[in-house]
């Protein structure tokens, strides 16, 4: 059974007349009748009740007529996707970025070039928390995410590429006594009250900071909050300090300062891009190709 035969059937079922259907299809009535008869022979059942002056659908014909429009629409969409898949002529690419990650250095040149080369692919971007990003990826609400690599360690069925590195730093209120000290260690912060995301908000991030403080022999009183905005709020009010990164957007807040930590264990963590193995959106490959080219250019300079 061919797609043309299915379309012929739809025309006859709409018109309930072989003559009118043939006219709308620009073919002869005998040729159309033969195509419908071939369908019925293949199915082993009648689709139409033919009477002298009337044509009616059988129950089976009615069932096919009701179901076929959605099938034909989806078939046409699928064929369009196949034709354009490797060319990337159309579609949507949905990118999620960690809410506190300063993506401008990495993403600005890539996004500019991507839109120039693939103008018919619509880009959407949004910021989400550490826990939201993988959730939205698995729920098929995002195609690509950019986040701290440690948050993806136990996430199955993902493709990942490390695209940048960051160092852990400490965020202090601008009026903090240590705000102007440039060679801080965690030992300088033994008496401080730390603010961090709770384990429910992100287990990996919570464990990372807890282990980092423990390795330094620090067991401070920790304030646990649910959102990164709340971490920033406590620090900008002068009520605590927090571990953050040197690639955070938090440096833009005039009430806080970001200071490097003079410790080898806080250096060289990964910023990672990830997508689901089962996501065959061709725009992902096009975007990641530009990411890889950008990384190679940075390495050569």
C-alpha atoms as a PDB file:
ATOM      1  CA  UNK A   1       0.000   0.000   0.000  1.00  0.00           C
ATOM      2  CA  UNK A   2       1.438   3.356  -1.001  1.00  0.00           C
ATOM      3  CA  UNK A   3       1.096   6.830   0.482  1.00  0.00           C
ATOM      4  CA  UNK A   4      -0.602   7.927  -2.751  1.00  0.00           C
ATOM      5  CA  UNK A   5      -3.234   5.229  -2.297  1.00  0.00           C
ATOM      6  CA  UNK A   6      -3.924   6.496   1.211  1.00  0.00           C
ATOM      7  CA  UNK A   7      -4.361  10.010  -0.137  1.00  0.00           C
ATOM      8  CA  UNK A   8      -6.638   8.700  -2.888  1.00  0.00           C
ATOM      9  CA  UNK A   9      -8.761   6.992  -0.229  1.00  0.00           C
ATOM     10  CA  UNK A  10      -9.049  10.251   1.752  1.00  0.00           C
ATOM     11  CA  UNK A  11     -10.229  12.102  -1.351  1.00  0.00           C
ATOM     12  CA  UNK A  12     -12.904   9.515  -2.151  1.00  0.00           C
ATOM     13  CA  UNK A  13     -14.031   9.374   1.508  1.00  0.00           C
ATOM     14  CA  UNK A  14     -14.391  13.166   1.628  1.00  0.00           C
ATOM     15  CA  UNK A  15     -16.323  13.400  -1.645  1.00  0.00           C
ATOM     16  CA  UNK A  16     -18.195  10.074  -1.440  1.00  0.00           C
ATOM     17  CA  UNK A  17     -17.950  10.143  -5.210  1.00  0.00           C
ATOM     18  CA  UNK A  18     -15.314   8.555  -7.417  1.00  0.00           C
ATOM     19  CA  UNK A  19     -16.018  11.081 -10.158  1.00  0.00           C
ATOM     20  CA  UNK A  20     -15.584  14.169  -7.957  1.00  0.00           C
ATOM     21  CA  UNK A  21     -12.559  12.680  -6.169  1.00  0.00           C
ATOM     22  CA  UNK A  22     -10.879  11.829  -9.486  1.00  0.00           C
ATOM     23  CA  UNK A  23     -11.481  15.364 -10.706  1.00  0.00           C
ATOM     24  CA  UNK A  24      -9.879  16.840  -7.565  1.00  0.00           C
ATOM     25  CA  UNK A  25      -6.897  14.523  -7.977  1.00  0.00           C
ATOM     26  CA  UNK A  26      -6.503  15.257 -11.705  1.00  0.00           C
ATOM     27  CA  UNK A  27      -6.785  11.609 -12.648  1.00  0.00           C
ATOM     28  CA  UNK A  28      -9.364   9.462 -14.419  1.00  0.00           C
ATOM     29  CA  UNK A  29     -12.212   7.823 -12.537  1.00  0.00           C
ATOM     30  CA  UNK A  30     -11.326   4.256 -13.682  1.00  0.00           C
ATOM     31  CA  UNK A  31      -7.705   4.707 -12.544  1.00  0.00           C
ATOM     32  CA  UNK A  32      -8.864   5.936  -9.124  1.00  0.00           C
ATOM     33  CA  UNK A  33     -11.297   3.021  -8.806  1.00  0.00           C
ATOM     34  CA  UNK A  34      -8.492   0.543  -9.523  1.00  0.00           C
ATOM     35  CA  UNK A  35      -6.305   2.094  -6.800  1.00  0.00           C
ATOM     36  CA  UNK A  36      -9.092   1.805  -4.213  1.00  0.00           C
ATOM     37  CA  UNK A  37      -9.822  -1.772  -5.264  1.00  0.00           C
ATOM     38  CA  UNK A  38      -6.110  -2.600  -4.859  1.00  0.00           C
ATOM     39  CA  UNK A  39      -6.214  -1.186  -1.319  1.00  0.00           C
ATOM     40  CA  UNK A  40      -9.262  -3.250  -0.432  1.00  0.00           C
ATOM     41  CA  UNK A  41      -7.660  -6.379  -1.859  1.00  0.00           C
ATOM     42  CA  UNK A  42      -4.506  -5.825   0.198  1.00  0.00           C
ATOM     43  CA  UNK A  43      -6.513  -5.165   3.359  1.00  0.00           C
ATOM     44  CA  UNK A  44      -8.861  -8.070   2.678  1.00  0.00           C
ATOM     45  CA  UNK A  45     -11.908  -5.979   3.461  1.00  0.00           C
ATOM     46  CA  UNK A  46     -14.180  -3.424   1.817  1.00  0.00           C
ATOM     47  CA  UNK A  47     -13.732   0.275   2.539  1.00  0.00           C
ATOM     48  CA  UNK A  48     -16.803   1.481   0.609  1.00  0.00           C
ATOM     49  CA  UNK A  49     -20.341   0.239   0.026  1.00  0.00           C
ATOM     50  CA  UNK A  50     -21.046   0.831  -3.651  1.00  0.00           C
ATOM     51  CA  UNK A  51     -24.701   1.274  -4.581  1.00  0.00           C
ATOM     52  CA  UNK A  52     -26.237   2.496  -7.828  1.00  0.00           C
ATOM     53  CA  UNK A  53     -26.216   6.211  -7.055  1.00  0.00           C
ATOM     54  CA  UNK A  54     -24.527   6.414  -3.643  1.00  0.00           C
ATOM     55  CA  UNK A  55     -21.186   5.613  -2.093  1.00  0.00           C
ATOM     56  CA  UNK A  56     -20.849   4.993   1.619  1.00  0.00           C
ATOM     57  CA  UNK A  57     -18.010   4.150   3.963  1.00  0.00           C
ATOM     58  CA  UNK A  58     -18.052   0.769   5.642  1.00  0.00           C
ATOM     59  CA  UNK A  59     -17.350   0.687   9.406  1.00  0.00           C
ATOM     60  CA  UNK A  60     -13.764  -0.224   8.544  1.00  0.00           C
ATOM     61  CA  UNK A  61     -13.588   2.612   6.028  1.00  0.00           C
ATOM     62  CA  UNK A  62     -14.905   5.056   8.648  1.00  0.00           C
ATOM     63  CA  UNK A  63     -12.245   3.907  11.138  1.00  0.00           C
ATOM     64  CA  UNK A  64      -9.519   4.442   8.547  1.00  0.00           C
ATOM     65  CA  UNK A  65     -10.918   7.851   7.588  1.00  0.00           C
ATOM     66  CA  UNK A  66     -10.896   9.002  11.212  1.00  0.00           C
ATOM     67  CA  UNK A  67      -7.347   7.861  11.943  1.00  0.00           C
ATOM     68  CA  UNK A  68      -5.613   8.611   8.665  1.00  0.00           C
ATOM     69  CA  UNK A  69      -5.371  12.456   8.808  1.00  0.00           C
ATOM     70  CA  UNK A  70      -3.101  12.402  11.883  1.00  0.00           C
ATOM     71  CA  UNK A  71      -0.976   9.680  10.332  1.00  0.00           C
ATOM     72  CA  UNK A  72      -0.565  11.576   7.050  1.00  0.00           C
ATOM     73  CA  UNK A  73       0.260  14.810   8.867  1.00  0.00           C
ATOM     74  CA  UNK A  74       2.911  13.100  10.986  1.00  0.00           C
ATOM     75  CA  UNK A  75       4.293  11.329   7.914  1.00  0.00           C
ATOM     76  CA  UNK A  76       4.717  14.653   6.083  1.00  0.00           C
ATOM     77  CA  UNK A  77       6.421  16.175   9.131  1.00  0.00           C
ATOM     78  CA  UNK A  78       8.731  13.190   9.462  1.00  0.00           C
ATOM     79  CA  UNK A  79       9.737  13.355   5.792  1.00  0.00           C
ATOM     80  CA  UNK A  80      10.490  17.071   6.164  1.00  0.00           C
ATOM     81  CA  UNK A  81      12.678  16.344   9.192  1.00  0.00           C
ATOM     82  CA  UNK A  82      14.532  13.644   7.263  1.00  0.00           C
ATOM     83  CA  UNK A  83      15.149  15.943   4.299  1.00  0.00           C
ATOM     84  CA  UNK A  84      16.495  18.728   6.475  1.00  0.00           C
ATOM     85  CA  UNK A  85      18.227  16.699   9.191  1.00  0.00           C
ATOM     86  CA  UNK A  86      21.811  16.888   7.952  1.00  0.00           C
ATOM     87  CA  UNK A  87      21.413  20.371   6.564  1.00  0.00           C
ATOM     88  CA  UNK A  88      19.960  21.834   9.754  1.00  0.00           C
ATOM     89  CA  UNK A  89      17.768  24.191   7.747  1.00  0.00           C
ATOM     90  CA  UNK A  90      15.061  24.458  10.354  1.00  0.00           C
ATOM     91  CA  UNK A  91      14.164  23.549  13.896  1.00  0.00           C
ATOM     92  CA  UNK A  92      14.678  24.661  17.472  1.00  0.00           C
ATOM     93  CA  UNK A  93      17.667  24.343  19.790  1.00  0.00           C
ATOM     94  CA  UNK A  94      16.828  24.759  23.494  1.00  0.00           C
ATOM     95  CA  UNK A  95      19.828  25.542  25.700  1.00  0.00           C
ATOM     96  CA  UNK A  96      19.876  25.721  29.493  1.00  0.00           C
ATOM     97  CA  UNK A  97      22.682  27.429  31.406  1.00  0.00           C
ATOM     98  CA  UNK A  98      23.502  27.228  35.107  1.00  0.00           C
ATOM     99  CA  UNK A  99      21.943  30.190  36.873  1.00  0.00           C
ATOM    100  CA  UNK A 100      25.186  31.505  38.408  1.00  0.00           C
ATOM    101  CA  UNK A 101      27.544  30.651  35.530  1.00  0.00           C
ATOM    102  CA  UNK A 102      28.962  33.579  33.543  1.00  0.00           C
ATOM    103  CA  UNK A 103      28.567  32.167  30.037  1.00  0.00           C
ATOM    104  CA  UNK A 104      29.491  35.319  28.128  1.00  0.00           C
ATOM    105  CA  UNK A 105      33.138  34.434  27.421  1.00  0.00           C
ATOM    106  CA  UNK A 106      32.310  30.978  26.062  1.00  0.00           C
ATOM    107  CA  UNK A 107      28.908  31.491  24.476  1.00  0.00           C
ATOM    108  CA  UNK A 108      28.894  34.963  22.926  1.00  0.00           C
ATOM    109  CA  UNK A 109      31.139  34.224  19.909  1.00  0.00           C
ATOM    110  CA  UNK A 110      29.606  30.758  19.427  1.00  0.00           C
ATOM    111  CA  UNK A 111      26.020  32.012  19.510  1.00  0.00           C
ATOM    112  CA  UNK A 112      26.846  34.855  17.141  1.00  0.00           C
ATOM    113  CA  UNK A 113      28.374  32.504  14.597  1.00  0.00           C
ATOM    114  CA  UNK A 114      25.648  29.872  15.034  1.00  0.00           C
ATOM    115  CA  UNK A 115      22.915  32.379  14.239  1.00  0.00           C
ATOM    116  CA  UNK A 116      24.845  33.658  11.225  1.00  0.00           C
ATOM    117  CA  UNK A 117      25.370  30.167   9.778  1.00  0.00           C
ATOM    118  CA  UNK A 118      22.024  28.609  10.781  1.00  0.00           C
ATOM    119  CA  UNK A 119      19.609  31.510  10.813  1.00  0.00           C
ATOM    120  CA  UNK A 120      16.519  29.322  10.380  1.00  0.00           C
ATOM    121  CA  UNK A 121      17.222  27.357  13.571  1.00  0.00           C
ATOM    122  CA  UNK A 122      15.463  29.114  16.422  1.00  0.00           C
ATOM    123  CA  UNK A 123      17.513  29.357  19.610  1.00  0.00           C
ATOM    124  CA  UNK A 124      15.980  29.499  23.068  1.00  0.00           C
ATOM    125  CA  UNK A 125      18.059  30.005  26.214  1.00  0.00           C
ATOM    126  CA  UNK A 126      17.278  30.048  29.908  1.00  0.00           C
ATOM    127  CA  UNK A 127      18.979  29.909  33.286  1.00  0.00           C
ATOM    128  CA  UNK A 128      18.217  27.107  35.738  1.00  0.00           C
ATOM    129  CA  UNK A 129      19.570  25.713  39.000  1.00  0.00           C
ATOM    130  CA  UNK A 130      21.995  22.788  39.305  1.00  0.00           C
ATOM    131  CA  UNK A 131      19.171  20.350  39.971  1.00  0.00           C
ATOM    132  CA  UNK A 132      16.757  21.788  37.393  1.00  0.00           C
ATOM    133  CA  UNK A 133      19.128  21.472  34.436  1.00  0.00           C
ATOM    134  CA  UNK A 134      19.368  17.654  34.272  1.00  0.00           C
ATOM    135  CA  UNK A 135      15.698  17.331  35.190  1.00  0.00           C
ATOM    136  CA  UNK A 136      14.658  19.499  32.235  1.00  0.00           C
ATOM    137  CA  UNK A 137      17.058  17.587  29.985  1.00  0.00           C
ATOM    138  CA  UNK A 138      15.482  14.224  30.893  1.00  0.00           C
ATOM    139  CA  UNK A 139      11.980  15.705  30.575  1.00  0.00           C
ATOM    140  CA  UNK A 140      12.813  16.772  26.991  1.00  0.00           C
ATOM    141  CA  UNK A 141      12.365  20.449  27.834  1.00  0.00           C
ATOM    142  CA  UNK A 142      15.984  21.231  26.927  1.00  0.00           C
ATOM    143  CA  UNK A 143      18.315  19.917  24.210  1.00  0.00           C
ATOM    144  CA  UNK A 144      21.643  21.086  25.655  1.00  0.00           C
ATOM    145  CA  UNK A 145      22.720  22.126  29.135  1.00  0.00           C
ATOM    146  CA  UNK A 146      25.841  23.878  30.403  1.00  0.00           C
ATOM    147  CA  UNK A 147      26.641  23.263  34.049  1.00  0.00           C
ATOM    148  CA  UNK A 148      29.295  22.294  36.580  1.00  0.00           C
ATOM    149  CA  UNK A 149      30.596  18.848  35.686  1.00  0.00           C
ATOM    150  CA  UNK A 150      30.319  17.366  39.178  1.00  0.00           C
ATOM    151  CA  UNK A 151      26.527  17.702  39.045  1.00  0.00           C
ATOM    152  CA  UNK A 152      26.374  15.114  36.228  1.00  0.00           C
ATOM    153  CA  UNK A 153      28.538  12.353  37.689  1.00  0.00           C
ATOM    154  CA  UNK A 154      25.666   9.953  38.412  1.00  0.00           C
ATOM    155  CA  UNK A 155      23.407  10.927  35.500  1.00  0.00           C
ATOM    156  CA  UNK A 156      22.934   8.064  32.983  1.00  0.00           C
ATOM    157  CA  UNK A 157      22.436   8.120  29.214  1.00  0.00           C
ATOM    158  CA  UNK A 158      24.111  11.474  28.634  1.00  0.00           C
ATOM    159  CA  UNK A 159      26.743  12.640  26.195  1.00  0.00           C
ATOM    160  CA  UNK A 160      29.090  15.134  27.852  1.00  0.00           C
ATOM    161  CA  UNK A 161      31.873  17.464  26.687  1.00  0.00           C
ATOM    162  CA  UNK A 162      34.017  19.534  29.042  1.00  0.00           C
ATOM    163  CA  UNK A 163      34.134  23.012  27.545  1.00  0.00           C
ATOM    164  CA  UNK A 164      35.809  25.172  30.173  1.00  0.00           C
ATOM    165  CA  UNK A 165      37.427  25.041  33.594  1.00  0.00           C
ATOM    166  CA  UNK A 166      36.808  26.988  36.739  1.00  0.00           C
ATOM    167  CA  UNK A 167      38.400  27.400  40.160  1.00  0.00           C
ATOM    168  CA  UNK A 168      36.474  27.409  43.398  1.00  0.00           C
ATOM    169  CA  UNK A 169      36.655  30.760  45.194  1.00  0.00           C
ATOM    170  CA  UNK A 170      35.145  32.368  48.233  1.00  0.00           C
ATOM    171  CA  UNK A 171      32.470  35.068  48.144  1.00  0.00           C
ATOM    172  CA  UNK A 172      32.563  37.686  50.905  1.00  0.00           C
ATOM    173  CA  UNK A 173      30.655  40.808  51.748  1.00  0.00           C
ATOM    174  CA  UNK A 174      32.550  43.820  50.403  1.00  0.00           C
ATOM    175  CA  UNK A 175      32.970  45.174  53.951  1.00  0.00           C
ATOM    176  CA  UNK A 176      34.287  41.883  55.350  1.00  0.00           C
ATOM    177  CA  UNK A 177      37.683  42.225  57.115  1.00  0.00           C
ATOM    178  CA  UNK A 178      39.188  39.717  54.655  1.00  0.00           C
ATOM    179  CA  UNK A 179      37.690  41.325  51.542  1.00  0.00           C
ATOM    180  CA  UNK A 180      40.997  42.897  50.492  1.00  0.00           C
ATOM    181  CA  UNK A 181      43.161  39.849  51.220  1.00  0.00           C
ATOM    182  CA  UNK A 182      44.365  38.358  47.914  1.00  0.00           C
ATOM    183  CA  UNK A 183      45.903  35.064  49.057  1.00  0.00           C
ATOM    184  CA  UNK A 184      43.098  33.535  51.085  1.00  0.00           C
ATOM    185  CA  UNK A 185      43.047  29.943  52.267  1.00  0.00           C
ATOM    186  CA  UNK A 186      40.204  28.136  53.958  1.00  0.00           C
ATOM    187  CA  UNK A 187      42.247  28.277  57.134  1.00  0.00           C
ATOM    188  CA  UNK A 188      41.617  32.043  57.159  1.00  0.00           C
ATOM    189  CA  UNK A 189      37.901  31.294  57.253  1.00  0.00           C
ATOM    190  CA  UNK A 190      37.766  28.863  60.161  1.00  0.00           C
ATOM    191  CA  UNK A 191      35.609  31.159  62.264  1.00  0.00           C
ATOM    192  CA  UNK A 192      33.247  32.124  59.465  1.00  0.00           C
ATOM    193  CA  UNK A 193      29.697  31.000  58.956  1.00  0.00           C
ATOM    194  CA  UNK A 194      29.329  29.372  55.531  1.00  0.00           C
ATOM    195  CA  UNK A 195      26.197  29.511  53.402  1.00  0.00           C
ATOM    196  CA  UNK A 196      25.532  26.755  50.868  1.00  0.00           C
ATOM    197  CA  UNK A 197      22.780  25.001  48.958  1.00  0.00           C
ATOM    198  CA  UNK A 198      21.091  22.246  50.916  1.00  0.00           C
ATOM    199  CA  UNK A 199      21.467  18.633  49.802  1.00  0.00           C
ATOM    200  CA  UNK A 200      17.849  18.582  48.594  1.00  0.00           C
ATOM    201  CA  UNK A 201      18.626  21.410  46.166  1.00  0.00           C
ATOM    202  CA  UNK A 202      21.729  19.655  44.838  1.00  0.00           C
ATOM    203  CA  UNK A 203      23.325  16.653  46.510  1.00  0.00           C
ATOM    204  CA  UNK A 204      26.538  16.807  44.452  1.00  0.00           C
ATOM    205  CA  UNK A 205      27.178  20.483  45.197  1.00  0.00           C
ATOM    206  CA  UNK A 206      26.433  20.005  48.869  1.00  0.00           C
ATOM    207  CA  UNK A 207      28.863  17.086  49.120  1.00  0.00           C
ATOM    208  CA  UNK A 208      31.574  18.937  47.205  1.00  0.00           C
ATOM    209  CA  UNK A 209      31.567  21.936  49.546  1.00  0.00           C
ATOM    210  CA  UNK A 210      31.181  19.781  52.652  1.00  0.00           C
ATOM    211  CA  UNK A 211      34.149  17.617  51.611  1.00  0.00           C
ATOM    212  CA  UNK A 212      36.230  20.658  50.693  1.00  0.00           C
ATOM    213  CA  UNK A 213      35.733  22.198  54.122  1.00  0.00           C
ATOM    214  CA  UNK A 214      36.316  18.860  55.830  1.00  0.00           C
ATOM    215  CA  UNK A 215      39.654  18.354  54.031  1.00  0.00           C
ATOM    216  CA  UNK A 216      40.733  21.718  55.362  1.00  0.00           C
ATOM    217  CA  UNK A 217      39.781  20.617  58.869  1.00  0.00           C
ATOM    218  CA  UNK A 218      36.909  23.068  59.073  1.00  0.00           C
ATOM    219  CA  UNK A 219      33.588  22.204  60.639  1.00  0.00           C
ATOM    220  CA  UNK A 220      31.818  25.534  60.582  1.00  0.00           C
ATOM    221  CA  UNK A 221      28.208  26.284  61.295  1.00  0.00           C
ATOM    222  CA  UNK A 222      26.591  26.013  57.879  1.00  0.00           C
ATOM    223  CA  UNK A 223      23.459  27.828  56.758  1.00  0.00           C
ATOM    224  CA  UNK A 224      21.633  25.701  54.203  1.00  0.00           C
ATOM    225  CA  UNK A 225      19.395  27.414  51.661  1.00  0.00           C
ATOM    226  CA  UNK A 226      17.350  26.219  48.685  1.00  0.00           C
ATOM    227  CA  UNK A 227      18.434  28.626  45.916  1.00  0.00           C
ATOM    228  CA  UNK A 228      21.627  30.281  44.716  1.00  0.00           C
ATOM    229  CA  UNK A 229      19.875  33.641  45.024  1.00  0.00           C
ATOM    230  CA  UNK A 230      19.536  32.943  48.744  1.00  0.00           C
ATOM    231  CA  UNK A 231      23.262  32.190  49.055  1.00  0.00           C
ATOM    232  CA  UNK A 232      23.998  35.568  47.509  1.00  0.00           C
ATOM    233  CA  UNK A 233      21.436  37.272  49.752  1.00  0.00           C
ATOM    234  CA  UNK A 234      23.078  36.025  52.956  1.00  0.00           C
ATOM    235  CA  UNK A 235      26.537  37.119  51.775  1.00  0.00           C
ATOM    236  CA  UNK A 236      25.489  40.546  50.538  1.00  0.00           C
ATOM    237  CA  UNK A 237      23.790  41.153  53.902  1.00  0.00           C
ATOM    238  CA  UNK A 238      27.087  40.333  55.641  1.00  0.00           C
ATOM    239  CA  UNK A 239      25.641  37.292  57.403  1.00  0.00           C
ATOM    240  CA  UNK A 240      27.980  34.640  55.988  1.00  0.00           C
ATOM    241  CA  UNK A 241      30.544  33.635  53.363  1.00  0.00           C
ATOM    242  CA  UNK A 242      30.159  31.120  50.544  1.00  0.00           C
ATOM    243  CA  UNK A 243      32.171  28.910  48.215  1.00  0.00           C
ATOM    244  CA  UNK A 244      31.570  29.924  44.604  1.00  0.00           C
ATOM    245  CA  UNK A 245      33.589  29.946  41.364  1.00  0.00           C
ATOM    246  CA  UNK A 246      35.710  32.380  39.384  1.00  0.00           C
ATOM    247  CA  UNK A 247      33.181  32.075  36.528  1.00  0.00           C
ATOM    248  CA  UNK A 248      30.151  33.201  38.476  1.00  0.00           C
ATOM    249  CA  UNK A 249      27.790  36.048  37.634  1.00  0.00           C
ATOM    250  CA  UNK A 250      27.791  36.951  41.331  1.00  0.00           C
ATOM    251  CA  UNK A 251      30.838  39.208  40.844  1.00  0.00           C
ATOM    252  CA  UNK A 252      28.446  41.710  39.220  1.00  0.00           C
ATOM    253  CA  UNK A 253      26.836  42.403  42.602  1.00  0.00           C
ATOM    254  CA  UNK A 254      28.522  45.522  44.055  1.00  0.00           C
ATOM    255  CA  UNK A 255      27.954  44.340  47.641  1.00  0.00           C
ATOM    256  CA  UNK A 256      30.185  41.262  47.375  1.00  0.00           C
ATOM    257  CA  UNK A 257      33.721  40.375  46.296  1.00  0.00           C
ATOM    258  CA  UNK A 258      35.044  37.107  44.870  1.00  0.00           C
ATOM    259  CA  UNK A 259      38.470  36.082  46.136  1.00  0.00           C
ATOM    260  CA  UNK A 260      40.661  33.240  44.920  1.00  0.00           C
ATOM    261  CA  UNK A 261      41.650  30.485  47.310  1.00  0.00           C
ATOM    262  CA  UNK A 262      45.334  29.596  47.440  1.00  0.00           C
ATOM    263  CA  UNK A 263      44.751  25.840  47.512  1.00  0.00           C
ATOM    264  CA  UNK A 264      45.516  23.265  44.782  1.00  0.00           C
ATOM    265  CA  UNK A 265      42.364  21.213  45.423  1.00  0.00           C
ATOM    266  CA  UNK A 266      40.084  24.064  44.315  1.00  0.00           C
ATOM    267  CA  UNK A 267      41.686  24.445  40.876  1.00  0.00           C
ATOM    268  CA  UNK A 268      40.695  23.110  37.473  1.00  0.00           C
ATOM    269  CA  UNK A 269      37.103  21.913  37.825  1.00  0.00           C
ATOM    270  CA  UNK A 270      35.073  21.292  34.672  1.00  0.00           C
ATOM    271  CA  UNK A 271      32.260  23.252  33.085  1.00  0.00           C
ATOM    272  CA  UNK A 272      30.384  20.657  31.045  1.00  0.00           C
ATOM    273  CA  UNK A 273      27.866  20.616  28.227  1.00  0.00           C
ATOM    274  CA  UNK A 274      25.528  17.632  28.081  1.00  0.00           C
ATOM    275  CA  UNK A 275      22.697  16.215  26.010  1.00  0.00           C
ATOM    276  CA  UNK A 276      20.711  12.985  25.996  1.00  0.00           C
ATOM    277  CA  UNK A 277      22.012  10.125  23.850  1.00  0.00           C
ATOM    278  CA  UNK A 278      18.486   9.580  22.545  1.00  0.00           C
ATOM    279  CA  UNK A 279      18.087  13.195  21.382  1.00  0.00           C
ATOM    280  CA  UNK A 280      18.730  13.232  17.628  1.00  0.00           C
ATOM    281  CA  UNK A 281      18.109  16.947  17.101  1.00  0.00           C
ATOM    282  CA  UNK A 282      20.637  17.770  14.320  1.00  0.00           C
ATOM    283  CA  UNK A 283      21.113  21.281  15.713  1.00  0.00           C
ATOM    284  CA  UNK A 284      22.973  19.790  18.707  1.00  0.00           C
ATOM    285  CA  UNK A 285      25.770  18.508  16.467  1.00  0.00           C
ATOM    286  CA  UNK A 286      25.916  21.813  14.592  1.00  0.00           C
ATOM    287  CA  UNK A 287      26.222  23.770  17.838  1.00  0.00           C
ATOM    288  CA  UNK A 288      28.761  21.427  19.432  1.00  0.00           C
ATOM    289  CA  UNK A 289      30.894  21.586  16.295  1.00  0.00           C
ATOM    290  CA  UNK A 290      31.221  25.336  16.824  1.00  0.00           C
ATOM    291  CA  UNK A 291      31.986  24.770  20.513  1.00  0.00           C
ATOM    292  CA  UNK A 292      34.819  22.410  19.591  1.00  0.00           C
ATOM    293  CA  UNK A 293      36.214  24.853  17.028  1.00  0.00           C
ATOM    294  CA  UNK A 294      36.134  27.615  19.629  1.00  0.00           C
ATOM    295  CA  UNK A 295      38.011  25.450  22.133  1.00  0.00           C
ATOM    296  CA  UNK A 296      40.669  24.571  19.555  1.00  0.00           C
ATOM    297  CA  UNK A 297      41.134  28.237  18.685  1.00  0.00           C
ATOM    298  CA  UNK A 298      41.567  29.109  22.357  1.00  0.00           C
ATOM    299  CA  UNK A 299      44.149  26.343  22.779  1.00  0.00           C
ATOM    300  CA  UNK A 300      46.164  27.584  19.817  1.00  0.00           C
ATOM    301  CA  UNK A 301      46.335  31.182  21.050  1.00  0.00           C
END
